[in-house]
Amino acid sequence: MDFDFVPNLTFGSKILHDIKKNIDINVDVHFMVSVKTNQFEDFFLDYIKAKPQMMTMHIESLKDKNTINKFIDLCKQNNILASLAISPKTDVSQVYPFLEQLDNVLVMSVEPGFGGQKFISSSLEKIQILDQLRKQKKYKYTIEVDGGINEQTSVLVKQAGVDMIVAGSYLFGSDDFKKRAEGLFNEL
């Protein structure tokens, strides 16, 4: 988050390096940023050095087909899973030209930038469409959803065809993290 693409700010690559240095975990870096074309490779270089498992960039921030392909190629060249995110107001068809190359599609079910928002139900249709396309064309991407996830919405997105959920505020905003996490796992 960079105060440009979304009206919020979060940590940068140093935190990622520190995490990876101290804990052996898979990391998905979800960028909610605007990257200038002339700074493209420099921007991602520090993140690539930390060797995340996956990098997710918003299709809305990449703006054109060449830049999107450049992002996907950069991920692939560095053995990083390539993921594109689509915001609630973005038509799902915007990712169609890239589905064959992608490892993951992240459907945002809230407006990007702030936690604790209510799930936007039109996200279910996007998930269903992506799942149908994946089956019809035998694509290999996974479908992830982020925003407004709780025990009830996790069931809905799973039925729609999602493979992964992000449940930040629901888990971390609770006094009983373990109980909520177990509830989500039981529903899935």
N, C-alpha and C. Protein backbone atom coordinates (compact mmCIF):
# COMPACT_ATOMS: atom_id res chain seq x y z
N MET A 1 0.85 -1.17 0.00
CA MET A 1 0.00 0.00 0.00
C MET A 1 0.90 1.23 0.00
N ASP A 2 0.54 2.19 -0.83
CA ASP A 2 1.48 3.29 -1.08
C ASP A 2 0.91 4.70 -1.02
N PHE A 3 -0.27 4.88 -0.50
CA PHE A 3 -0.96 6.18 -0.48
C PHE A 3 -1.30 6.68 -1.88
N ASP A 4 -1.12 5.86 -2.90
CA ASP A 4 -1.44 6.26 -4.27
C ASP A 4 -2.52 5.32 -4.83
N PHE A 5 -2.19 4.05 -4.99
CA PHE A 5 -3.18 3.10 -5.48
C PHE A 5 -4.30 2.92 -4.46
N VAL A 6 -3.93 2.89 -3.19
CA VAL A 6 -4.91 2.86 -2.09
C VAL A 6 -4.52 3.92 -1.07
N PRO A 7 -5.50 4.45 -0.32
CA PRO A 7 -5.21 5.53 0.63
C PRO A 7 -4.69 5.02 1.97
N ASN A 8 -3.66 4.20 1.92
CA ASN A 8 -3.10 3.63 3.13
C ASN A 8 -1.64 3.30 2.85
N LEU A 9 -0.89 3.01 3.89
CA LEU A 9 0.53 2.69 3.74
C LEU A 9 0.85 1.47 4.59
N THR A 10 1.73 0.61 4.07
CA THR A 10 2.14 -0.57 4.83
C THR A 10 3.65 -0.77 4.69
N PHE A 11 4.14 -1.86 5.23
CA PHE A 11 5.58 -2.10 5.25
C PHE A 11 6.12 -2.46 3.87
N GLY A 12 7.45 -2.36 3.74
CA GLY A 12 8.12 -2.63 2.48
C GLY A 12 8.94 -3.91 2.51
N SER A 13 9.90 -3.98 1.61
CA SER A 13 10.66 -5.20 1.40
C SER A 13 11.54 -5.59 2.59
N LYS A 14 11.96 -4.63 3.40
CA LYS A 14 12.83 -4.96 4.55
C LYS A 14 12.13 -5.92 5.50
N ILE A 15 10.87 -5.68 5.78
CA ILE A 15 10.12 -6.57 6.67
C ILE A 15 10.06 -7.97 6.07
N LEU A 16 9.83 -8.06 4.77
CA LEU A 16 9.78 -9.36 4.10
C LEU A 16 11.11 -10.09 4.25
N HIS A 17 12.21 -9.38 4.04
CA HIS A 17 13.54 -9.99 4.21
C HIS A 17 13.73 -10.49 5.64
N ASP A 18 13.32 -9.69 6.62
CA ASP A 18 13.46 -10.08 8.03
C ASP A 18 12.62 -11.31 8.36
N ILE A 19 11.42 -11.36 7.83
CA ILE A 19 10.56 -12.53 8.05
C ILE A 19 11.20 -13.77 7.46
N LYS A 20 11.60 -13.68 6.20
CA LYS A 20 12.17 -14.84 5.50
C LYS A 20 13.49 -15.29 6.13
N LYS A 21 14.22 -14.36 6.72
CA LYS A 21 15.50 -14.68 7.37
C LYS A 21 15.28 -15.47 8.65
N ASN A 22 14.18 -15.23 9.32
CA ASN A 22 13.94 -15.82 10.63
C ASN A 22 12.91 -16.94 10.67
N ILE A 23 12.07 -17.02 9.66
CA ILE A 23 11.01 -18.03 9.64
C ILE A 23 10.95 -18.64 8.25
N ASP A 24 10.93 -19.95 8.17
CA ASP A 24 10.85 -20.63 6.88
C ASP A 24 9.38 -20.85 6.52
N ILE A 25 8.79 -19.84 5.86
CA ILE A 25 7.39 -19.93 5.45
C ILE A 25 7.25 -19.46 4.01
N ASN A 26 6.18 -19.92 3.38
CA ASN A 26 5.83 -19.40 2.06
C ASN A 26 5.17 -18.05 2.23
N VAL A 27 5.55 -17.11 1.38
CA VAL A 27 5.03 -15.75 1.48
C VAL A 27 4.41 -15.35 0.15
N ASP A 28 3.22 -14.78 0.22
CA ASP A 28 2.54 -14.19 -0.93
C ASP A 28 2.58 -12.68 -0.72
N VAL A 29 3.30 -11.98 -1.58
CA VAL A 29 3.37 -10.53 -1.48
C VAL A 29 2.27 -9.94 -2.34
N HIS A 30 1.33 -9.25 -1.70
CA HIS A 30 0.20 -8.63 -2.39
C HIS A 30 0.46 -7.13 -2.46
N PHE A 31 0.80 -6.67 -3.66
CA PHE A 31 1.12 -5.26 -3.88
C PHE A 31 -0.15 -4.47 -4.17
N MET A 32 -0.42 -3.46 -3.38
CA MET A 32 -1.50 -2.51 -3.66
C MET A 32 -0.82 -1.16 -3.89
N VAL A 33 -0.11 -1.09 -5.01
CA VAL A 33 0.73 0.07 -5.30
C VAL A 33 0.62 0.47 -6.77
N SER A 34 1.02 1.70 -7.04
CA SER A 34 1.19 2.17 -8.42
C SER A 34 2.69 2.15 -8.69
N VAL A 35 3.09 1.50 -9.77
CA VAL A 35 4.51 1.41 -10.13
C VAL A 35 4.71 2.10 -11.47
N LYS A 36 5.61 3.06 -11.49
CA LYS A 36 5.91 3.75 -12.74
C LYS A 36 6.68 2.81 -13.67
N THR A 37 6.38 2.85 -14.96
CA THR A 37 6.99 1.96 -15.93
C THR A 37 8.51 2.02 -15.89
N ASN A 38 9.07 3.22 -15.74
CA ASN A 38 10.53 3.34 -15.75
C ASN A 38 11.18 2.86 -14.45
N GLN A 39 10.39 2.55 -13.43
CA GLN A 39 10.91 2.04 -12.16
C GLN A 39 10.49 0.59 -11.91
N PHE A 40 9.90 0.00 -12.91
CA PHE A 40 9.25 -1.30 -12.76
C PHE A 40 10.17 -2.36 -12.16
N GLU A 41 11.26 -2.68 -12.84
CA GLU A 41 12.14 -3.75 -12.37
C GLU A 41 12.83 -3.39 -11.07
N ASP A 42 13.23 -2.13 -10.92
CA ASP A 42 13.88 -1.70 -9.67
C ASP A 42 12.94 -1.87 -8.48
N PHE A 43 11.67 -1.56 -8.69
CA PHE A 43 10.70 -1.67 -7.60
C PHE A 43 10.62 -3.11 -7.09
N PHE A 44 10.54 -4.07 -8.00
CA PHE A 44 10.34 -5.46 -7.61
C PHE A 44 11.61 -6.18 -7.17
N LEU A 45 12.78 -5.64 -7.51
CA LEU A 45 14.04 -6.32 -7.26
C LEU A 45 14.24 -6.73 -5.80
N ASP A 46 14.01 -5.83 -4.86
CA ASP A 46 14.19 -6.16 -3.45
C ASP A 46 13.24 -7.26 -2.98
N TYR A 47 12.04 -7.25 -3.51
CA TYR A 47 11.08 -8.29 -3.14
C TYR A 47 11.49 -9.64 -3.73
N ILE A 48 11.95 -9.62 -4.97
CA ILE A 48 12.39 -10.86 -5.62
C ILE A 48 13.55 -11.49 -4.86
N LYS A 49 14.46 -10.67 -4.37
CA LYS A 49 15.61 -11.18 -3.60
C LYS A 49 15.18 -11.93 -2.35
N ALA A 50 14.04 -11.58 -1.80
CA ALA A 50 13.53 -12.27 -0.60
C ALA A 50 12.88 -13.61 -0.94
N LYS A 51 12.72 -13.90 -2.21
CA LYS A 51 12.19 -15.17 -2.69
C LYS A 51 10.79 -15.51 -2.16
N PRO A 52 9.83 -14.64 -2.40
CA PRO A 52 8.47 -15.01 -2.01
C PRO A 52 7.97 -16.16 -2.88
N GLN A 53 7.00 -16.88 -2.39
CA GLN A 53 6.40 -17.95 -3.19
C GLN A 53 5.55 -17.36 -4.32
N MET A 54 4.84 -16.27 -4.01
CA MET A 54 3.94 -15.67 -4.99
C MET A 54 3.96 -14.15 -4.85
N MET A 55 3.80 -13.48 -6.00
CA MET A 55 3.63 -12.03 -6.00
C MET A 55 2.32 -11.71 -6.72
N THR A 56 1.51 -10.87 -6.08
CA THR A 56 0.21 -10.49 -6.61
C THR A 56 0.20 -8.99 -6.86
N MET A 57 -0.19 -8.61 -8.06
CA MET A 57 -0.27 -7.21 -8.45
C MET A 57 -1.68 -6.93 -8.97
N HIS A 58 -2.20 -5.77 -8.67
CA HIS A 58 -3.53 -5.40 -9.14
C HIS A 58 -3.49 -5.05 -10.62
N ILE A 59 -4.39 -5.66 -11.37
CA ILE A 59 -4.46 -5.41 -12.80
C ILE A 59 -4.73 -3.93 -13.06
N GLU A 60 -5.47 -3.29 -12.17
CA GLU A 60 -5.80 -1.87 -12.34
C GLU A 60 -4.56 -0.98 -12.24
N SER A 61 -3.58 -1.40 -11.46
CA SER A 61 -2.38 -0.56 -11.29
C SER A 61 -1.36 -0.79 -12.40
N LEU A 62 -1.44 -1.92 -13.07
CA LEU A 62 -0.49 -2.20 -14.16
C LEU A 62 -0.90 -1.54 -15.46
N LYS A 63 -2.16 -1.25 -15.61
CA LYS A 63 -2.74 -0.40 -16.65
C LYS A 63 -2.75 -0.94 -18.08
N ASP A 64 -1.66 -1.49 -18.60
CA ASP A 64 -1.70 -1.93 -20.00
C ASP A 64 -1.16 -3.36 -20.13
N LYS A 65 -1.50 -3.97 -21.26
CA LYS A 65 -1.18 -5.37 -21.51
C LYS A 65 0.33 -5.64 -21.44
N ASN A 66 1.13 -4.74 -21.99
CA ASN A 66 2.59 -4.94 -21.98
C ASN A 66 3.14 -4.97 -20.56
N THR A 67 2.66 -4.06 -19.72
CA THR A 67 3.15 -4.01 -18.34
C THR A 67 2.69 -5.24 -17.56
N ILE A 68 1.48 -5.68 -17.82
CA ILE A 68 0.98 -6.89 -17.16
C ILE A 68 1.83 -8.10 -17.56
N ASN A 69 2.10 -8.23 -18.86
CA ASN A 69 2.95 -9.33 -19.32
C ASN A 69 4.36 -9.23 -18.75
N LYS A 70 4.86 -8.02 -18.61
CA LYS A 70 6.18 -7.80 -18.03
C LYS A 70 6.21 -8.30 -16.58
N PHE A 71 5.16 -8.00 -15.83
CA PHE A 71 5.06 -8.47 -14.45
C PHE A 71 5.03 -10.00 -14.39
N ILE A 72 4.20 -10.61 -15.22
CA ILE A 72 4.09 -12.07 -15.24
C ILE A 72 5.43 -12.69 -15.61
N ASP A 73 6.08 -12.16 -16.64
CA ASP A 73 7.39 -12.67 -17.06
C ASP A 73 8.43 -12.54 -15.96
N LEU A 74 8.43 -11.41 -15.28
CA LEU A 74 9.38 -11.18 -14.18
C LEU A 74 9.21 -12.23 -13.09
N CYS A 75 7.97 -12.53 -12.76
CA CYS A 75 7.69 -13.57 -11.77
C CYS A 75 8.21 -14.92 -12.26
N LYS A 76 7.84 -15.29 -13.46
CA LYS A 76 8.21 -16.60 -14.01
C LYS A 76 9.73 -16.76 -14.09
N GLN A 77 10.42 -15.71 -14.53
CA GLN A 77 11.88 -15.77 -14.65
C GLN A 77 12.56 -15.99 -13.31
N ASN A 78 11.89 -15.63 -12.25
CA ASN A 78 12.46 -15.75 -10.90
C ASN A 78 11.81 -16.85 -10.07
N ASN A 79 11.13 -17.77 -10.75
CA ASN A 79 10.47 -18.91 -10.09
C ASN A 79 9.53 -18.48 -8.97
N ILE A 80 8.79 -17.42 -9.25
CA ILE A 80 7.78 -16.90 -8.33
C ILE A 80 6.42 -17.06 -8.99
N LEU A 81 5.44 -17.53 -8.26
CA LEU A 81 4.10 -17.67 -8.81
C LEU A 81 3.54 -16.29 -9.15
N ALA A 82 2.98 -16.17 -10.34
CA ALA A 82 2.44 -14.90 -10.82
C ALA A 82 0.94 -14.83 -10.57
N SER A 83 0.52 -13.74 -9.92
CA SER A 83 -0.88 -13.58 -9.55
C SER A 83 -1.35 -12.17 -9.88
N LEU A 84 -2.55 -12.08 -10.42
CA LEU A 84 -3.19 -10.78 -10.65
C LEU A 84 -4.41 -10.67 -9.76
N ALA A 85 -4.60 -9.48 -9.18
CA ALA A 85 -5.78 -9.19 -8.36
C ALA A 85 -6.72 -8.31 -9.16
N ILE A 86 -8.02 -8.51 -8.94
CA ILE A 86 -9.02 -7.63 -9.54
C ILE A 86 -9.90 -7.05 -8.44
N SER A 87 -10.10 -5.76 -8.52
CA SER A 87 -10.90 -5.04 -7.53
C SER A 87 -12.39 -5.23 -7.82
N PRO A 88 -13.25 -4.96 -6.84
CA PRO A 88 -14.68 -5.19 -7.01
C PRO A 88 -15.30 -4.49 -8.23
N LYS A 89 -14.85 -3.30 -8.56
CA LYS A 89 -15.44 -2.57 -9.68
C LYS A 89 -14.87 -2.96 -11.04
N THR A 90 -13.85 -3.80 -11.06
CA THR A 90 -13.21 -4.21 -12.31
C THR A 90 -13.92 -5.43 -12.87
N ASP A 91 -14.23 -5.37 -14.15
CA ASP A 91 -14.87 -6.50 -14.81
C ASP A 91 -13.90 -7.68 -14.88
N VAL A 92 -14.39 -8.85 -14.56
CA VAL A 92 -13.55 -10.05 -14.54
C VAL A 92 -12.91 -10.32 -15.90
N SER A 93 -13.53 -9.87 -16.97
CA SER A 93 -12.99 -10.11 -18.32
C SER A 93 -11.62 -9.46 -18.52
N GLN A 94 -11.27 -8.51 -17.66
CA GLN A 94 -9.96 -7.85 -17.79
C GLN A 94 -8.80 -8.84 -17.61
N VAL A 95 -9.01 -9.92 -16.89
CA VAL A 95 -7.93 -10.90 -16.68
C VAL A 95 -7.92 -12.01 -17.72
N TYR A 96 -8.95 -12.11 -18.55
CA TYR A 96 -9.04 -13.20 -19.51
C TYR A 96 -7.79 -13.38 -20.37
N PRO A 97 -7.22 -12.30 -20.93
CA PRO A 97 -6.06 -12.49 -21.80
C PRO A 97 -4.84 -13.10 -21.10
N PHE A 98 -4.84 -13.13 -19.78
CA PHE A 98 -3.65 -13.55 -19.03
C PHE A 98 -3.84 -14.88 -18.28
N LEU A 99 -5.04 -15.42 -18.31
CA LEU A 99 -5.35 -16.59 -17.49
C LEU A 99 -4.46 -17.79 -17.76
N GLU A 100 -4.12 -18.01 -19.01
CA GLU A 100 -3.28 -19.16 -19.35
C GLU A 100 -1.90 -19.08 -18.72
N GLN A 101 -1.40 -17.86 -18.51
CA GLN A 101 -0.06 -17.65 -17.96
C GLN A 101 -0.04 -17.57 -16.44
N LEU A 102 -1.19 -17.29 -15.84
CA LEU A 102 -1.23 -17.01 -14.41
C LEU A 102 -1.22 -18.27 -13.56
N ASP A 103 -0.65 -18.12 -12.37
CA ASP A 103 -0.68 -19.18 -11.37
C ASP A 103 -1.83 -18.97 -10.38
N ASN A 104 -2.30 -17.72 -10.27
CA ASN A 104 -3.34 -17.39 -9.29
C ASN A 104 -4.08 -16.13 -9.74
N VAL A 105 -5.36 -16.09 -9.42
CA VAL A 105 -6.16 -14.87 -9.59
C VAL A 105 -6.76 -14.56 -8.22
N LEU A 106 -6.53 -13.34 -7.76
CA LEU A 106 -7.06 -12.89 -6.48
C LEU A 106 -8.26 -11.99 -6.74
N VAL A 107 -9.42 -12.43 -6.28
CA VAL A 107 -10.65 -11.64 -6.39
C VAL A 107 -10.80 -10.85 -5.09
N MET A 108 -10.74 -9.54 -5.21
CA MET A 108 -10.95 -8.69 -4.03
C MET A 108 -12.46 -8.59 -3.79
N SER A 109 -12.88 -8.95 -2.60
CA SER A 109 -14.30 -8.91 -2.26
C SER A 109 -14.62 -7.72 -1.35
N VAL A 110 -13.68 -6.79 -1.27
CA VAL A 110 -13.85 -5.47 -0.65
C VAL A 110 -13.00 -4.51 -1.46
N GLU A 111 -13.21 -3.22 -1.25
CA GLU A 111 -12.33 -2.24 -1.90
C GLU A 111 -10.95 -2.33 -1.27
N PRO A 112 -9.90 -2.41 -2.07
CA PRO A 112 -8.55 -2.57 -1.52
C PRO A 112 -8.13 -1.40 -0.63
N GLY A 113 -7.37 -1.75 0.41
CA GLY A 113 -6.74 -0.71 1.20
C GLY A 113 -7.01 -0.74 2.69
N PHE A 114 -8.16 -1.24 3.10
CA PHE A 114 -8.50 -1.24 4.52
C PHE A 114 -9.17 -2.55 4.91
N GLY A 115 -8.83 -3.06 6.07
CA GLY A 115 -9.46 -4.26 6.59
C GLY A 115 -10.80 -3.95 7.23
N GLY A 116 -11.52 -5.01 7.56
CA GLY A 116 -12.76 -4.87 8.31
C GLY A 116 -13.98 -4.47 7.51
N GLN A 117 -13.89 -4.52 6.19
CA GLN A 117 -15.03 -4.14 5.35
C GLN A 117 -15.99 -5.32 5.16
N LYS A 118 -17.20 -4.99 4.73
CA LYS A 118 -18.23 -6.00 4.47
C LYS A 118 -17.99 -6.64 3.10
N PHE A 119 -18.20 -7.93 3.02
CA PHE A 119 -18.06 -8.73 1.81
C PHE A 119 -18.98 -8.20 0.71
N ILE A 120 -18.46 -8.01 -0.49
CA ILE A 120 -19.25 -7.56 -1.64
C ILE A 120 -19.69 -8.81 -2.41
N SER A 121 -20.98 -9.08 -2.38
CA SER A 121 -21.50 -10.36 -2.90
C SER A 121 -21.31 -10.55 -4.40
N SER A 122 -21.15 -9.48 -5.16
CA SER A 122 -20.92 -9.64 -6.60
C SER A 122 -19.59 -10.34 -6.89
N SER A 123 -18.75 -10.46 -5.88
CA SER A 123 -17.48 -11.19 -6.03
C SER A 123 -17.73 -12.67 -6.30
N LEU A 124 -18.84 -13.19 -5.81
CA LEU A 124 -19.16 -14.60 -6.01
C LEU A 124 -19.29 -14.94 -7.49
N GLU A 125 -19.91 -14.05 -8.25
CA GLU A 125 -20.07 -14.29 -9.69
C GLU A 125 -18.71 -14.33 -10.38
N LYS A 126 -17.81 -13.44 -9.99
CA LYS A 126 -16.46 -13.44 -10.58
C LYS A 126 -15.75 -14.76 -10.30
N ILE A 127 -15.88 -15.24 -9.07
CA ILE A 127 -15.25 -16.51 -8.70
C ILE A 127 -15.83 -17.64 -9.54
N GLN A 128 -17.16 -17.67 -9.68
CA GLN A 128 -17.81 -18.72 -10.47
C GLN A 128 -17.35 -18.69 -11.92
N ILE A 129 -17.26 -17.50 -12.49
CA ILE A 129 -16.81 -17.36 -13.88
C ILE A 129 -15.38 -17.87 -14.03
N LEU A 130 -14.51 -17.45 -13.12
CA LEU A 130 -13.10 -17.89 -13.17
C LEU A 130 -12.99 -19.40 -13.01
N ASP A 131 -13.81 -19.98 -12.14
CA ASP A 131 -13.80 -21.42 -11.93
C ASP A 131 -14.29 -22.15 -13.18
N GLN A 132 -15.35 -21.64 -13.81
CA GLN A 132 -15.86 -22.26 -15.04
C GLN A 132 -14.83 -22.19 -16.16
N LEU A 133 -14.20 -21.03 -16.33
CA LEU A 133 -13.17 -20.89 -17.36
C LEU A 133 -12.00 -21.83 -17.12
N ARG A 134 -11.61 -21.95 -15.88
CA ARG A 134 -10.49 -22.83 -15.52
C ARG A 134 -10.82 -24.27 -15.91
N LYS A 135 -12.03 -24.70 -15.64
CA LYS A 135 -12.43 -26.06 -15.98
C LYS A 135 -12.56 -26.25 -17.48
N GLN A 136 -13.21 -25.31 -18.16
CA GLN A 136 -13.42 -25.41 -19.60
C GLN A 136 -12.12 -25.43 -20.39
N LYS A 137 -11.21 -24.54 -20.02
CA LYS A 137 -9.96 -24.38 -20.78
C LYS A 137 -8.80 -25.17 -20.19
N LYS A 138 -9.06 -25.86 -19.06
CA LYS A 138 -8.04 -26.64 -18.36
C LYS A 138 -6.84 -25.78 -17.95
N TYR A 139 -7.15 -24.58 -17.48
CA TYR A 139 -6.11 -23.70 -16.95
C TYR A 139 -5.69 -24.19 -15.57
N LYS A 140 -4.52 -23.78 -15.15
CA LYS A 140 -3.94 -24.29 -13.90
C LYS A 140 -3.99 -23.30 -12.74
N TYR A 141 -4.48 -22.09 -12.93
CA TYR A 141 -4.44 -21.08 -11.87
C TYR A 141 -5.34 -21.47 -10.69
N THR A 142 -4.96 -20.98 -9.53
CA THR A 142 -5.81 -21.09 -8.35
C THR A 142 -6.61 -19.79 -8.23
N ILE A 143 -7.69 -19.86 -7.48
CA ILE A 143 -8.53 -18.69 -7.24
C ILE A 143 -8.49 -18.39 -5.75
N GLU A 144 -8.18 -17.14 -5.46
CA GLU A 144 -8.06 -16.67 -4.08
C GLU A 144 -9.05 -15.53 -3.88
N VAL A 145 -9.54 -15.36 -2.67
CA VAL A 145 -10.44 -14.24 -2.37
C VAL A 145 -9.97 -13.55 -1.10
N ASP A 146 -10.11 -12.23 -1.09
CA ASP A 146 -9.64 -11.42 0.04
C ASP A 146 -10.66 -10.33 0.32
N GLY A 147 -11.17 -10.32 1.56
CA GLY A 147 -12.04 -9.24 1.99
C GLY A 147 -13.38 -9.70 2.51
N GLY A 148 -13.68 -9.35 3.75
CA GLY A 148 -14.98 -9.67 4.32
C GLY A 148 -15.20 -11.15 4.57
N ILE A 149 -14.11 -11.89 4.71
CA ILE A 149 -14.23 -13.34 4.89
C ILE A 149 -14.46 -13.67 6.37
N ASN A 150 -15.49 -14.49 6.59
CA ASN A 150 -15.81 -15.01 7.92
C ASN A 150 -16.36 -16.42 7.72
N GLU A 151 -16.91 -17.03 8.76
CA GLU A 151 -17.40 -18.41 8.61
C GLU A 151 -18.52 -18.52 7.58
N GLN A 152 -19.38 -17.53 7.50
CA GLN A 152 -20.49 -17.58 6.54
C GLN A 152 -20.00 -17.33 5.10
N THR A 153 -19.22 -16.29 4.90
CA THR A 153 -18.77 -15.97 3.54
C THR A 153 -17.76 -17.00 3.03
N SER A 154 -17.02 -17.63 3.93
CA SER A 154 -16.06 -18.65 3.48
C SER A 154 -16.78 -19.83 2.83
N VAL A 155 -17.96 -20.17 3.35
CA VAL A 155 -18.76 -21.24 2.75
C VAL A 155 -19.21 -20.83 1.35
N LEU A 156 -19.68 -19.61 1.21
CA LEU A 156 -20.17 -19.11 -0.09
C LEU A 156 -19.07 -19.10 -1.14
N VAL A 157 -17.88 -18.61 -0.77
CA VAL A 157 -16.79 -18.53 -1.76
C VAL A 157 -16.27 -19.92 -2.11
N LYS A 158 -16.27 -20.82 -1.15
CA LYS A 158 -15.85 -22.20 -1.42
C LYS A 158 -16.81 -22.84 -2.41
N GLN A 159 -18.12 -22.65 -2.20
CA GLN A 159 -19.11 -23.20 -3.13
C GLN A 159 -18.98 -22.59 -4.52
N ALA A 160 -18.52 -21.34 -4.60
CA ALA A 160 -18.35 -20.66 -5.89
C ALA A 160 -17.12 -21.14 -6.64
N GLY A 161 -16.16 -21.77 -5.93
CA GLY A 161 -15.00 -22.33 -6.61
C GLY A 161 -13.65 -21.82 -6.16
N VAL A 162 -13.60 -21.12 -5.03
CA VAL A 162 -12.34 -20.55 -4.56
C VAL A 162 -11.44 -21.64 -3.96
N ASP A 163 -10.13 -21.45 -4.09
CA ASP A 163 -9.15 -22.38 -3.54
C ASP A 163 -8.50 -21.87 -2.26
N MET A 164 -8.35 -20.55 -2.16
CA MET A 164 -7.68 -19.94 -1.00
C MET A 164 -8.47 -18.73 -0.52
N ILE A 165 -8.47 -18.55 0.79
CA ILE A 165 -9.11 -17.37 1.36
C ILE A 165 -8.10 -16.56 2.17
N VAL A 166 -8.34 -15.27 2.24
CA VAL A 166 -7.59 -14.38 3.13
C VAL A 166 -8.60 -13.84 4.12
N ALA A 167 -8.34 -14.07 5.39
CA ALA A 167 -9.30 -13.68 6.43
C ALA A 167 -8.58 -12.86 7.50
N GLY A 168 -8.12 -11.70 7.15
CA GLY A 168 -7.33 -10.87 8.05
C GLY A 168 -8.07 -10.36 9.26
N SER A 169 -8.97 -9.42 9.08
CA SER A 169 -9.67 -8.78 10.20
C SER A 169 -10.50 -9.76 11.01
N TYR A 170 -11.10 -10.72 10.34
CA TYR A 170 -11.92 -11.71 11.04
C TYR A 170 -11.09 -12.48 12.06
N LEU A 171 -9.86 -12.82 11.68
CA LEU A 171 -8.99 -13.57 12.59
C LEU A 171 -8.28 -12.66 13.59
N PHE A 172 -7.63 -11.63 13.07
CA PHE A 172 -6.77 -10.81 13.92
C PHE A 172 -7.54 -9.79 14.74
N GLY A 173 -8.80 -9.54 14.39
CA GLY A 173 -9.62 -8.62 15.16
C GLY A 173 -10.43 -9.31 16.24
N SER A 174 -10.10 -10.55 16.50
CA SER A 174 -10.86 -11.36 17.46
C SER A 174 -10.06 -11.58 18.74
N ASP A 175 -10.78 -11.76 19.83
CA ASP A 175 -10.13 -12.13 21.09
C ASP A 175 -9.81 -13.62 21.12
N ASP A 176 -10.41 -14.38 20.20
CA ASP A 176 -10.18 -15.82 20.17
C ASP A 176 -9.78 -16.25 18.75
N PHE A 177 -8.55 -15.93 18.40
CA PHE A 177 -8.00 -16.25 17.08
C PHE A 177 -8.15 -17.74 16.77
N LYS A 178 -7.76 -18.57 17.72
CA LYS A 178 -7.77 -20.02 17.52
C LYS A 178 -9.17 -20.53 17.19
N LYS A 179 -10.17 -20.09 17.94
CA LYS A 179 -11.55 -20.54 17.71
C LYS A 179 -12.02 -20.14 16.32
N ARG A 180 -11.73 -18.90 15.93
CA ARG A 180 -12.16 -18.44 14.60
C ARG A 180 -11.42 -19.18 13.49
N ALA A 181 -10.13 -19.41 13.67
CA ALA A 181 -9.36 -20.13 12.66
C ALA A 181 -9.89 -21.55 12.51
N GLU A 182 -10.16 -22.20 13.62
CA GLU A 182 -10.72 -23.56 13.57
C GLU A 182 -12.09 -23.56 12.89
N GLY A 183 -12.90 -22.54 13.17
CA GLY A 183 -14.21 -22.42 12.52
C GLY A 183 -14.08 -22.31 11.01
N LEU A 184 -13.13 -21.51 10.56
CA LEU A 184 -12.91 -21.38 9.11
C LEU A 184 -12.45 -22.70 8.51
N PHE A 185 -11.50 -23.36 9.16
CA PHE A 185 -11.00 -24.64 8.66
C PHE A 185 -12.12 -25.68 8.61
N ASN A 186 -12.98 -25.68 9.61
CA ASN A 186 -14.09 -26.64 9.63
C ASN A 186 -15.08 -26.38 8.51
N GLU A 187 -15.29 -25.12 8.18
CA GLU A 187 -16.24 -24.77 7.10
C GLU A 187 -15.67 -25.13 5.73
N LEU A 188 -14.36 -25.08 5.60
CA LEU A 188 -13.73 -25.37 4.32
C LEU A 188 -13.42 -26.85 4.21
